N, C-alpha and C. Protein backbone atom coordinates (compact mmCIF):
# COMPACT_ATOMS: atom_id res chain seq x y z
N MET A 1 24.41 -29.14 -18.47
CA MET A 1 23.53 -29.09 -16.64
C MET A 1 23.48 -27.60 -16.68
N THR A 2 22.66 -27.51 -15.86
CA THR A 2 22.03 -26.36 -15.38
C THR A 2 22.44 -25.81 -13.59
N HIS A 3 22.88 -24.70 -13.32
CA HIS A 3 23.17 -24.05 -11.95
C HIS A 3 22.26 -24.55 -11.28
N CYS A 4 21.64 -24.46 -9.64
CA CYS A 4 21.17 -24.45 -9.04
C CYS A 4 20.76 -23.08 -8.72
N LYS A 5 19.36 -22.64 -8.78
CA LYS A 5 18.24 -21.32 -8.51
C LYS A 5 18.92 -20.63 -7.86
N ASN A 6 19.30 -21.38 -6.66
CA ASN A 6 19.78 -20.27 -5.07
C ASN A 6 20.86 -19.29 -5.47
N PRO A 7 21.22 -18.28 -5.65
CA PRO A 7 21.69 -17.41 -5.18
C PRO A 7 23.06 -17.43 -4.97
N LYS A 8 22.81 -17.98 -3.26
CA LYS A 8 24.49 -18.42 -2.72
C LYS A 8 25.04 -19.43 -3.07
N CYS A 9 24.19 -20.04 -3.99
CA CYS A 9 24.62 -21.65 -4.62
C CYS A 9 25.46 -21.72 -5.75
N ASP A 10 26.74 -22.70 -5.91
CA ASP A 10 27.02 -22.34 -7.37
C ASP A 10 26.85 -24.00 -8.07
N LEU A 11 26.86 -24.85 -7.28
CA LEU A 11 26.65 -26.26 -8.12
C LEU A 11 25.97 -26.56 -8.83
N GLU A 12 25.90 -27.23 -9.64
CA GLU A 12 25.31 -27.77 -11.04
C GLU A 12 24.26 -28.95 -10.17
N VAL A 13 23.05 -28.72 -11.15
CA VAL A 13 21.88 -29.57 -10.42
C VAL A 13 22.30 -30.57 -11.71
N THR A 14 21.98 -31.85 -10.91
CA THR A 14 22.12 -32.87 -11.70
C THR A 14 20.24 -33.51 -12.26
N PRO A 15 20.40 -33.16 -13.87
CA PRO A 15 19.00 -33.61 -14.28
C PRO A 15 18.06 -34.93 -13.31
N ASN A 16 17.23 -34.50 -13.65
CA ASN A 16 15.91 -35.89 -13.25
C ASN A 16 15.87 -37.06 -14.83
N GLN A 17 15.39 -38.05 -14.29
CA GLN A 17 15.80 -39.03 -15.37
C GLN A 17 14.04 -39.04 -16.10
N SER A 18 12.83 -38.47 -15.89
CA SER A 18 11.22 -38.38 -15.81
C SER A 18 11.14 -37.21 -15.22
N GLY A 19 10.31 -36.20 -15.40
CA GLY A 19 9.39 -35.40 -14.99
C GLY A 19 9.92 -34.15 -14.97
N ARG A 20 9.54 -33.46 -13.63
CA ARG A 20 9.81 -31.38 -13.76
C ARG A 20 11.01 -31.59 -13.38
N PRO A 21 11.94 -30.93 -14.27
CA PRO A 21 12.94 -30.55 -14.35
C PRO A 21 13.81 -30.53 -12.84
N LYS A 22 14.63 -30.83 -11.59
CA LYS A 22 15.02 -30.03 -10.59
C LYS A 22 15.47 -28.24 -11.26
N GLU A 23 15.37 -27.42 -9.98
CA GLU A 23 15.50 -26.41 -10.02
C GLU A 23 17.11 -26.17 -8.78
N TYR A 24 17.08 -26.85 -8.25
CA TYR A 24 18.22 -26.79 -6.77
C TYR A 24 18.80 -27.87 -6.80
N CYS A 25 20.37 -27.73 -6.29
CA CYS A 25 20.89 -28.93 -6.43
C CYS A 25 20.31 -29.88 -4.67
N ASN A 26 19.77 -29.45 -4.08
CA ASN A 26 19.45 -30.77 -2.97
C ASN A 26 18.15 -30.02 -2.29
N LYS A 27 17.73 -30.45 -1.11
CA LYS A 27 16.59 -30.28 -0.36
C LYS A 27 17.22 -28.63 0.33
N ARG A 28 18.01 -29.03 0.89
CA ARG A 28 18.73 -28.01 2.16
C ARG A 28 19.05 -26.41 1.10
N CYS A 29 19.46 -26.72 -0.21
CA CYS A 29 19.24 -25.34 -1.25
C CYS A 29 17.76 -24.85 -1.12
N ARG A 30 16.92 -25.71 -1.75
CA ARG A 30 15.74 -25.32 -2.09
C ARG A 30 15.03 -24.86 -0.46
N ASP A 31 14.92 -25.22 -0.05
CA ASP A 31 14.81 -24.82 1.72
C ASP A 31 15.47 -23.19 2.26
N ALA A 32 16.56 -23.29 1.95
CA ALA A 32 17.51 -21.69 1.96
C ALA A 32 16.54 -20.95 1.09
N ALA A 33 16.28 -21.26 0.19
CA ALA A 33 16.41 -19.95 -0.91
C ALA A 33 15.28 -19.56 -0.50
N TYR A 34 13.92 -20.49 -0.43
CA TYR A 34 13.17 -19.90 0.08
C TYR A 34 12.62 -19.36 1.53
N ARG A 35 13.71 -19.18 2.25
CA ARG A 35 13.94 -19.06 3.70
C ARG A 35 14.22 -17.58 3.13
N MET A 36 14.92 -17.21 2.27
CA MET A 36 15.38 -15.92 1.52
C MET A 36 14.15 -14.88 1.06
N ARG A 37 13.72 -15.95 0.08
CA ARG A 37 12.34 -14.95 -0.42
C ARG A 37 11.29 -14.27 0.24
N ASN A 38 11.33 -15.20 1.29
CA ASN A 38 9.96 -14.85 2.71
C ASN A 38 10.74 -14.24 3.90
N ALA A 39 12.13 -13.53 3.53
CA ALA A 39 12.22 -13.12 4.34
C ALA A 39 11.94 -11.67 4.10
N LEU A 40 12.30 -11.24 2.98
CA LEU A 40 12.30 -9.85 2.54
C LEU A 40 10.68 -9.55 2.81
N ASP A 41 9.66 -9.80 3.63
CA ASP A 41 8.43 -9.73 3.96
C ASP A 41 8.20 -9.62 4.99
N THR A 42 9.46 -9.10 6.00
CA THR A 42 9.77 -9.28 7.60
C THR A 42 9.23 -7.27 7.83
N PRO A 43 8.15 -7.56 9.26
CA PRO A 43 8.39 -6.27 9.77
C PRO A 43 9.21 -5.62 9.74
N GLU A 44 10.55 -5.84 9.88
CA GLU A 44 11.10 -4.33 10.06
C GLU A 44 11.66 -4.30 8.63
N THR A 45 11.97 -5.16 7.87
CA THR A 45 12.39 -4.40 6.60
C THR A 45 11.19 -3.42 5.71
N GLY A 46 9.48 -3.94 6.45
CA GLY A 46 8.54 -3.24 5.82
C GLY A 46 8.20 -2.11 5.65
N PRO A 47 7.99 -1.08 4.62
CA PRO A 47 8.17 0.31 4.17
C PRO A 47 6.79 0.99 4.53
N GLU A 48 5.91 0.22 5.11
CA GLU A 48 4.36 0.40 5.32
C GLU A 48 4.49 1.43 6.43
N ASP A 49 5.17 1.46 7.60
CA ASP A 49 5.14 2.15 8.96
C ASP A 49 5.08 3.77 8.65
N GLY A 50 6.39 4.70 7.68
CA GLY A 50 6.76 5.71 7.32
C GLY A 50 5.25 5.87 6.32
N TYR A 51 5.16 5.26 5.43
CA TYR A 51 3.92 5.05 4.11
C TYR A 51 2.54 5.71 5.10
N THR A 52 1.90 4.66 6.29
CA THR A 52 1.44 4.35 6.81
C THR A 52 1.19 5.96 7.13
N ALA A 53 1.92 6.42 8.15
CA ALA A 53 1.49 7.49 8.91
C ALA A 53 1.71 8.89 7.91
N ALA A 54 2.46 8.50 6.46
CA ALA A 54 1.99 9.34 5.44
C ALA A 54 0.55 9.74 4.56
N VAL A 55 0.23 8.79 4.80
CA VAL A 55 -1.53 8.73 4.31
C VAL A 55 -1.81 8.93 5.28
N ALA A 56 -2.20 8.55 6.21
CA ALA A 56 -2.63 8.66 7.51
C ALA A 56 -3.03 11.00 7.87
N ALA A 57 -1.68 11.02 7.26
CA ALA A 57 -1.70 12.68 7.31
C ALA A 57 -2.36 13.11 6.09
N ASP A 58 -2.65 12.69 5.02
CA ASP A 58 -3.10 12.77 3.63
C ASP A 58 -4.81 12.54 4.35
N ILE A 59 -5.05 11.96 4.74
CA ILE A 59 -6.82 11.72 5.15
C ILE A 59 -6.52 13.34 5.92
N THR A 60 -5.89 12.83 7.07
CA THR A 60 -6.37 14.41 8.12
C THR A 60 -6.10 15.53 6.81
N GLY A 61 -5.55 16.16 5.91
CA GLY A 61 -5.65 17.18 5.20
C GLY A 61 -7.16 17.13 4.78
N HIS A 62 -7.53 16.00 3.97
CA HIS A 62 -8.56 15.04 3.49
C HIS A 62 -9.21 16.09 4.08
N ALA A 63 -9.76 15.58 5.80
CA ALA A 63 -10.93 15.78 6.25
C ALA A 63 -11.22 17.04 6.61
N ARG A 64 -10.33 18.00 6.69
CA ARG A 64 -9.98 19.36 7.60
C ARG A 64 -10.60 20.15 6.59
N LEU A 65 -10.46 19.83 4.98
CA LEU A 65 -10.84 20.71 3.70
C LEU A 65 -12.13 20.45 3.61
N ILE A 66 -12.57 18.95 3.69
CA ILE A 66 -14.04 18.04 3.42
C ILE A 66 -14.91 19.67 4.90
N GLU A 67 -14.27 19.43 5.45
CA GLU A 67 -15.03 19.93 6.82
C GLU A 67 -15.37 21.50 6.66
N ALA A 68 -14.11 21.72 6.30
CA ALA A 68 -14.40 23.64 6.09
C ALA A 68 -14.45 23.83 4.68
N GLN A 69 -14.82 22.91 4.12
CA GLN A 69 -15.84 23.47 3.01
C GLN A 69 -16.76 23.22 2.94
N ALA A 70 -17.49 21.98 3.78
CA ALA A 70 -18.96 21.75 4.34
C ALA A 70 -20.11 22.84 5.35
N VAL A 71 -18.89 23.49 5.67
CA VAL A 71 -19.70 25.24 6.00
C VAL A 71 -19.73 25.83 5.21
N ARG A 72 -19.51 26.26 4.41
CA ARG A 72 -19.57 27.16 3.53
C ARG A 72 -20.94 27.11 2.73
N PRO A 73 -21.67 28.28 2.38
CA PRO A 73 -22.66 28.38 2.36
C PRO A 73 -22.43 28.24 0.06
N GLY A 74 -23.77 28.19 -0.38
CA GLY A 74 -23.96 28.42 -2.12
C GLY A 74 -23.54 26.73 -2.94
N PRO A 75 -23.62 27.07 -4.16
CA PRO A 75 -23.72 25.69 -5.04
C PRO A 75 -22.04 25.66 -5.01
N ASP A 76 -21.20 26.84 -5.27
CA ASP A 76 -19.99 25.69 -5.49
C ASP A 76 -19.15 25.43 -4.25
N ALA A 77 -19.47 25.34 -3.09
CA ALA A 77 -19.19 25.00 -2.15
C ALA A 77 -19.65 23.31 -1.95
N ALA A 78 -20.95 23.07 -2.78
CA ALA A 78 -21.41 21.67 -2.89
C ALA A 78 -20.21 20.96 -4.20
N ARG A 79 -19.71 21.33 -5.09
CA ARG A 79 -19.40 21.35 -6.86
C ARG A 79 -17.53 20.68 -5.72
N GLU A 80 -17.38 21.59 -5.01
CA GLU A 80 -16.18 21.58 -4.25
C GLU A 80 -16.09 20.46 -3.36
N LEU A 81 -16.88 20.18 -2.56
CA LEU A 81 -17.10 18.74 -2.12
C LEU A 81 -17.22 17.92 -2.43
N LEU A 82 -18.00 17.60 -4.23
CA LEU A 82 -18.09 16.18 -4.88
C LEU A 82 -16.50 15.96 -5.31
N ARG A 83 -15.94 17.78 -6.14
CA ARG A 83 -14.14 16.89 -5.89
C ARG A 83 -13.50 16.49 -5.21
N LEU A 84 -13.93 16.88 -3.88
CA LEU A 84 -12.49 16.76 -3.06
C LEU A 84 -12.75 15.03 -2.64
N LEU A 85 -13.72 14.74 -2.55
CA LEU A 85 -14.23 13.34 -1.82
C LEU A 85 -13.89 12.54 -2.52
N PRO A 86 -13.23 12.49 -4.17
CA PRO A 86 -12.64 11.23 -4.93
C PRO A 86 -10.92 10.87 -4.12
N ALA A 87 -10.67 12.10 -3.88
CA ALA A 87 -9.21 12.28 -3.45
C ALA A 87 -9.32 11.22 -2.17
N ALA A 88 -9.92 11.54 -1.19
CA ALA A 88 -10.17 11.27 0.10
C ALA A 88 -10.31 9.84 0.14
N GLN A 89 -11.15 9.18 -0.63
CA GLN A 89 -11.90 7.96 -0.65
C GLN A 89 -9.93 7.40 -1.55
N LEU A 90 -9.47 7.70 -2.13
CA LEU A 90 -8.33 7.14 -2.51
C LEU A 90 -6.99 6.64 -1.62
N SER A 91 -7.48 8.18 -0.79
CA SER A 91 -6.04 7.90 0.59
C SER A 91 -6.68 6.74 1.76
N MET A 92 -7.70 6.71 1.86
CA MET A 92 -8.79 5.19 2.52
C MET A 92 -8.22 4.71 2.23
N GLY A 93 -8.63 3.87 0.95
CA GLY A 93 -7.95 2.87 0.54
C GLY A 93 -6.45 2.64 0.73
N ASP A 94 -5.44 3.54 -0.07
CA ASP A 94 -4.45 3.35 0.45
C ASP A 94 -4.20 3.21 2.05
N LEU A 95 -4.40 4.09 2.84
CA LEU A 95 -4.69 3.08 4.15
C LEU A 95 -4.86 2.06 4.26
N GLU A 96 -6.00 1.42 4.25
CA GLU A 96 -6.78 0.05 4.64
C GLU A 96 -5.78 -0.90 4.45
N ALA A 97 -4.94 -0.62 2.86
CA ALA A 97 -4.18 -1.20 2.22
C ALA A 97 -3.15 -1.48 2.84
N ALA A 98 -2.09 -0.37 3.78
CA ALA A 98 -1.12 -0.10 4.33
C ALA A 98 -1.44 -1.11 5.56
N VAL A 99 -2.41 -1.26 5.88
CA VAL A 99 -3.03 -1.54 7.64
C VAL A 99 -3.14 -3.26 7.43
N VAL A 100 -3.83 -3.72 5.99
CA VAL A 100 -4.00 -5.38 5.92
C VAL A 100 -2.56 -5.76 5.38
N ARG A 101 -1.55 -5.17 5.16
CA ARG A 101 -0.47 -5.50 4.95
C ARG A 101 0.42 -5.31 6.23
N ARG A 102 0.24 -4.67 6.95
CA ARG A 102 0.97 -4.50 8.59
C ARG A 102 0.64 -5.42 9.27
N ALA A 103 -0.73 -5.73 9.60
CA ALA A 103 -1.22 -6.82 10.10
C ALA A 103 -0.73 -8.20 9.47
N ARG A 104 -0.68 -8.80 8.36
CA ARG A 104 -0.25 -9.88 7.71
C ARG A 104 0.73 -9.90 8.47
N LEU A 105 2.16 -8.91 8.08
CA LEU A 105 3.45 -9.38 8.56
C LEU A 105 3.83 -9.29 10.08
N GLU A 106 2.92 -8.81 10.77
CA GLU A 106 2.57 -9.04 12.25
C GLU A 106 2.30 -10.17 12.89
N GLY A 107 1.42 -11.08 11.80
CA GLY A 107 1.02 -12.44 12.16
C GLY A 107 -0.49 -12.23 12.46
N VAL A 108 -1.23 -10.91 12.32
CA VAL A 108 -2.60 -11.10 12.69
C VAL A 108 -3.37 -12.61 11.51
N PRO A 109 -4.23 -12.89 12.38
CA PRO A 109 -5.12 -14.08 11.07
C PRO A 109 -5.85 -13.31 10.46
N THR A 110 -5.76 -13.81 9.32
CA THR A 110 -6.76 -13.74 8.46
C THR A 110 -7.98 -13.30 8.39
N THR A 111 -8.63 -14.19 8.93
CA THR A 111 -9.92 -13.91 9.59
C THR A 111 -10.21 -12.76 10.19
N GLU A 112 -9.03 -12.63 11.50
CA GLU A 112 -9.49 -11.54 12.36
C GLU A 112 -9.01 -9.87 11.64
N ILE A 113 -8.38 -9.76 10.34
CA ILE A 113 -8.43 -8.81 9.56
C ILE A 113 -9.22 -8.23 8.75
N ALA A 114 -10.15 -9.68 8.40
CA ALA A 114 -11.13 -9.68 7.53
C ALA A 114 -12.47 -9.42 8.60
N ARG A 115 -12.30 -9.54 9.51
CA ARG A 115 -13.74 -9.32 10.40
C ARG A 115 -13.71 -8.06 10.84
N ALA A 116 -12.19 -7.08 11.08
CA ALA A 116 -12.17 -6.30 11.70
C ALA A 116 -12.46 -5.14 10.22
N LEU A 117 -12.50 -5.75 9.26
CA LEU A 117 -12.81 -4.63 8.11
C LEU A 117 -14.31 -5.14 7.77
N GLY A 118 -14.75 -5.72 8.14
CA GLY A 118 -16.58 -6.03 7.76
C GLY A 118 -16.28 -6.53 6.64
N MET A 119 -15.70 -7.93 6.03
CA MET A 119 -15.42 -8.50 4.72
C MET A 119 -15.08 -9.90 5.32
N SER A 120 -15.58 -10.77 4.54
CA SER A 120 -14.91 -12.23 4.47
C SER A 120 -13.97 -12.19 4.75
N PRO A 121 -13.36 -13.44 4.97
CA PRO A 121 -11.53 -13.67 4.55
C PRO A 121 -11.64 -14.29 2.95
N GLN A 122 -12.34 -14.60 2.33
CA GLN A 122 -12.10 -14.61 0.92
C GLN A 122 -12.36 -13.28 0.12
N ARG A 123 -13.47 -12.31 0.57
CA ARG A 123 -13.39 -11.39 0.22
C ARG A 123 -11.88 -10.35 0.35
N LEU A 124 -11.59 -10.65 1.35
CA LEU A 124 -10.16 -9.76 1.80
C LEU A 124 -8.73 -10.08 0.87
N ARG A 125 -8.77 -11.74 0.83
CA ARG A 125 -7.73 -12.64 -0.29
C ARG A 125 -7.71 -11.74 -1.68
N LYS A 126 -9.02 -11.47 -2.22
CA LYS A 126 -9.28 -11.40 -3.54
C LYS A 126 -9.32 -9.84 -3.45
N ARG A 127 -9.28 -8.90 -2.57
CA ARG A 127 -9.29 -7.18 -2.61
C ARG A 127 -7.71 -6.93 -2.13
N TRP A 128 -7.06 -7.84 -1.61
CA TRP A 128 -5.62 -7.43 -0.89
C TRP A 128 -4.95 -8.90 -1.32
N PRO A 129 -4.32 -9.24 -2.48
CA PRO A 129 -3.60 -10.78 -2.48
C PRO A 129 -2.06 -9.51 -2.17
N ARG A 130 -1.74 -10.87 -2.26
CA ARG A 130 -0.18 -10.64 -1.52
C ARG A 130 0.61 -9.52 -2.91
N GLY A 131 1.34 -8.54 -2.40
CA GLY A 131 2.05 -7.72 -3.78
C GLY A 131 1.13 -5.80 -3.77
N ALA A 132 -0.09 -6.42 -3.46
CA ALA A 132 -1.53 -5.02 -3.54
C ALA A 132 -0.48 -3.66 -3.04
N MET A 133 -0.17 -4.08 -1.65
CA MET A 133 0.48 -2.85 -1.29
C MET A 133 1.65 -2.17 -1.89
N GLU A 134 2.49 -2.85 -2.28
CA GLU A 134 3.60 -2.13 -3.69
C GLU A 134 3.20 -1.64 -4.59
N ARG A 135 1.83 -2.39 -5.57
CA ARG A 135 1.58 -1.97 -6.59
C ARG A 135 0.47 -0.35 -6.03
N ARG A 136 0.09 -0.51 -4.95
CA ARG A 136 -0.85 0.66 -4.66
C ARG A 136 0.92 1.96 -4.36
N MET A 137 1.60 1.63 -3.84
CA MET A 137 2.16 2.56 -3.02
C MET A 137 3.28 2.79 -4.27
N LEU A 138 3.43 2.42 -5.46
CA LEU A 138 3.84 2.78 -6.67
C LEU A 138 3.37 3.69 -7.47
N ARG A 139 1.44 3.51 -7.62
CA ARG A 139 1.05 4.14 -8.15
C ARG A 139 0.46 5.50 -7.38
N ARG A 140 0.19 5.35 -6.27
CA ARG A 140 0.60 6.49 -5.10
C ARG A 140 1.57 7.20 -5.63
N GLU A 141 2.95 7.25 -5.55
CA GLU A 141 4.02 7.86 -6.24
C GLU A 141 3.93 8.48 -7.32
N ARG A 142 3.03 7.97 -8.29
CA ARG A 142 2.70 8.57 -9.62
C ARG A 142 1.67 9.72 -9.84
N ARG A 143 1.15 9.46 -8.82
CA ARG A 143 -0.55 10.66 -8.88
C ARG A 143 0.40 11.91 -8.49
N ARG A 144 -0.95 12.91 -8.99
CA ARG A 144 -0.28 14.03 -8.65
C ARG A 144 0.25 14.61 -7.25
N PRO A 145 0.26 15.64 -7.01
CA PRO A 145 0.64 16.17 -5.53
C PRO A 145 -0.79 16.54 -5.22
N PHE A 146 -0.70 16.73 -3.73
CA PHE A 146 -2.32 17.02 -3.18
C PHE A 146 -2.32 18.33 -3.74
N THR A 147 -3.58 18.80 -4.48
CA THR A 147 -3.64 20.07 -4.69
C THR A 147 -4.93 20.21 -5.00
N THR A 148 -5.53 21.71 -4.65
CA THR A 148 -6.73 22.01 -4.17
C THR A 148 -7.37 23.63 -4.23
N THR A 149 -8.38 24.19 -5.15
CA THR A 149 -8.46 25.34 -4.91
C THR A 149 -9.13 25.79 -3.35
N LEU A 150 -9.42 24.82 -2.79
CA LEU A 150 -9.83 25.31 -1.82
C LEU A 150 -8.22 25.68 -0.55
N SER A 151 -7.52 24.50 -1.55
CA SER A 151 -6.33 25.00 -0.57
C SER A 151 -5.85 26.48 -0.56
N GLN A 152 -5.72 27.07 -1.95
CA GLN A 152 -5.43 28.32 -2.67
C GLN A 152 -6.05 29.65 -1.74
N ASN A 153 -7.87 29.32 -1.55
CA ASN A 153 -8.66 29.79 -1.08
C ASN A 153 -8.14 30.45 0.05
N LEU A 154 -8.26 29.16 0.91
CA LEU A 154 -7.78 29.62 2.69
C LEU A 154 -6.47 29.87 3.05
N ARG A 155 -5.24 29.44 1.95
CA ARG A 155 -4.11 30.61 2.38
C ARG A 155 -3.84 31.47 1.60
N GLY A 156 -4.96 32.02 0.48
CA GLY A 156 -4.73 33.40 -0.56
C GLY A 156 -3.73 33.67 -1.37
N GLU A 157 -2.58 32.19 -1.18
CA GLU A 157 -1.59 32.24 -2.32
C GLU A 157 -1.79 31.91 -3.50
N ASP A 158 -1.20 32.36 -4.24
CA ASP A 158 -1.88 31.33 -6.01
C ASP A 158 -0.53 30.50 -5.89
N ARG A 159 -0.61 29.42 -5.14
CA ARG A 159 0.27 27.77 -5.43
C ARG A 159 -0.21 27.20 -5.09
N ALA A 160 0.14 25.89 -6.05
CA ALA A 160 -0.43 24.79 -5.34
C ALA A 160 0.00 24.18 -3.80
N ALA A 161 -0.73 23.55 -3.39
CA ALA A 161 -0.20 22.75 -1.97
C ALA A 161 0.10 21.79 -2.55
N THR A 162 1.38 20.72 -1.95
CA THR A 162 1.39 19.39 -2.24
C THR A 162 2.12 18.67 -0.95
N THR A 163 1.16 19.35 0.28
CA THR A 163 0.64 17.82 1.20
C THR A 163 -0.47 18.66 1.42
N PRO A 164 -1.89 17.93 2.38
CA PRO A 164 -2.31 18.48 3.53
C PRO A 164 -1.72 19.14 4.38
N ALA A 165 -0.30 19.24 4.56
CA ALA A 165 0.60 20.19 5.98
C ALA A 165 0.22 21.34 5.28
N ASP A 166 0.81 21.52 4.20
CA ASP A 166 1.04 23.05 3.44
C ASP A 166 -0.70 23.83 3.52
N VAL A 167 -1.52 23.12 3.01
CA VAL A 167 -2.81 23.66 2.91
C VAL A 167 -3.25 23.95 4.51
N LEU A 168 -3.00 23.71 5.26
CA LEU A 168 -3.48 23.50 6.70
C LEU A 168 -2.52 24.80 7.67
N GLY A 169 -1.51 25.19 7.16
CA GLY A 169 -0.40 25.70 7.55
C GLY A 169 0.22 25.37 9.14
């Protein structure tokens, strides 16, 4: 015999005569396990509040760097702008993921989220499936710190900046 899959239950499961094997000892236990799994995605436990603020700060730093570079004359300025854009776009994607997850946790309907982002609900579900936010957060942690040659020029120091705030002072 096997034990119930609910972590709070230690009863044994009586096997079915035919069909798919039981995983829980009874319906109440199955429902309780379902509620426990879904309780992990509540707004109170979501890490996206601080994450969203951090990403927004990065975007502000990227925007200021791009603005400072845009007013500089010369061909090197254009190259620097081209180098800065992908990092800003990546941060914008991080922000979109965080905002979509937060909206879902707060119970905003998928159609409303999709309309706000200018896409269909099907496209939203495909682009931001459940768990995409966590994967994106992990990838963001593994990325190199926020650095740019422009930050060194602005501060006049030969050290890498770790955040946009370091760049802007």
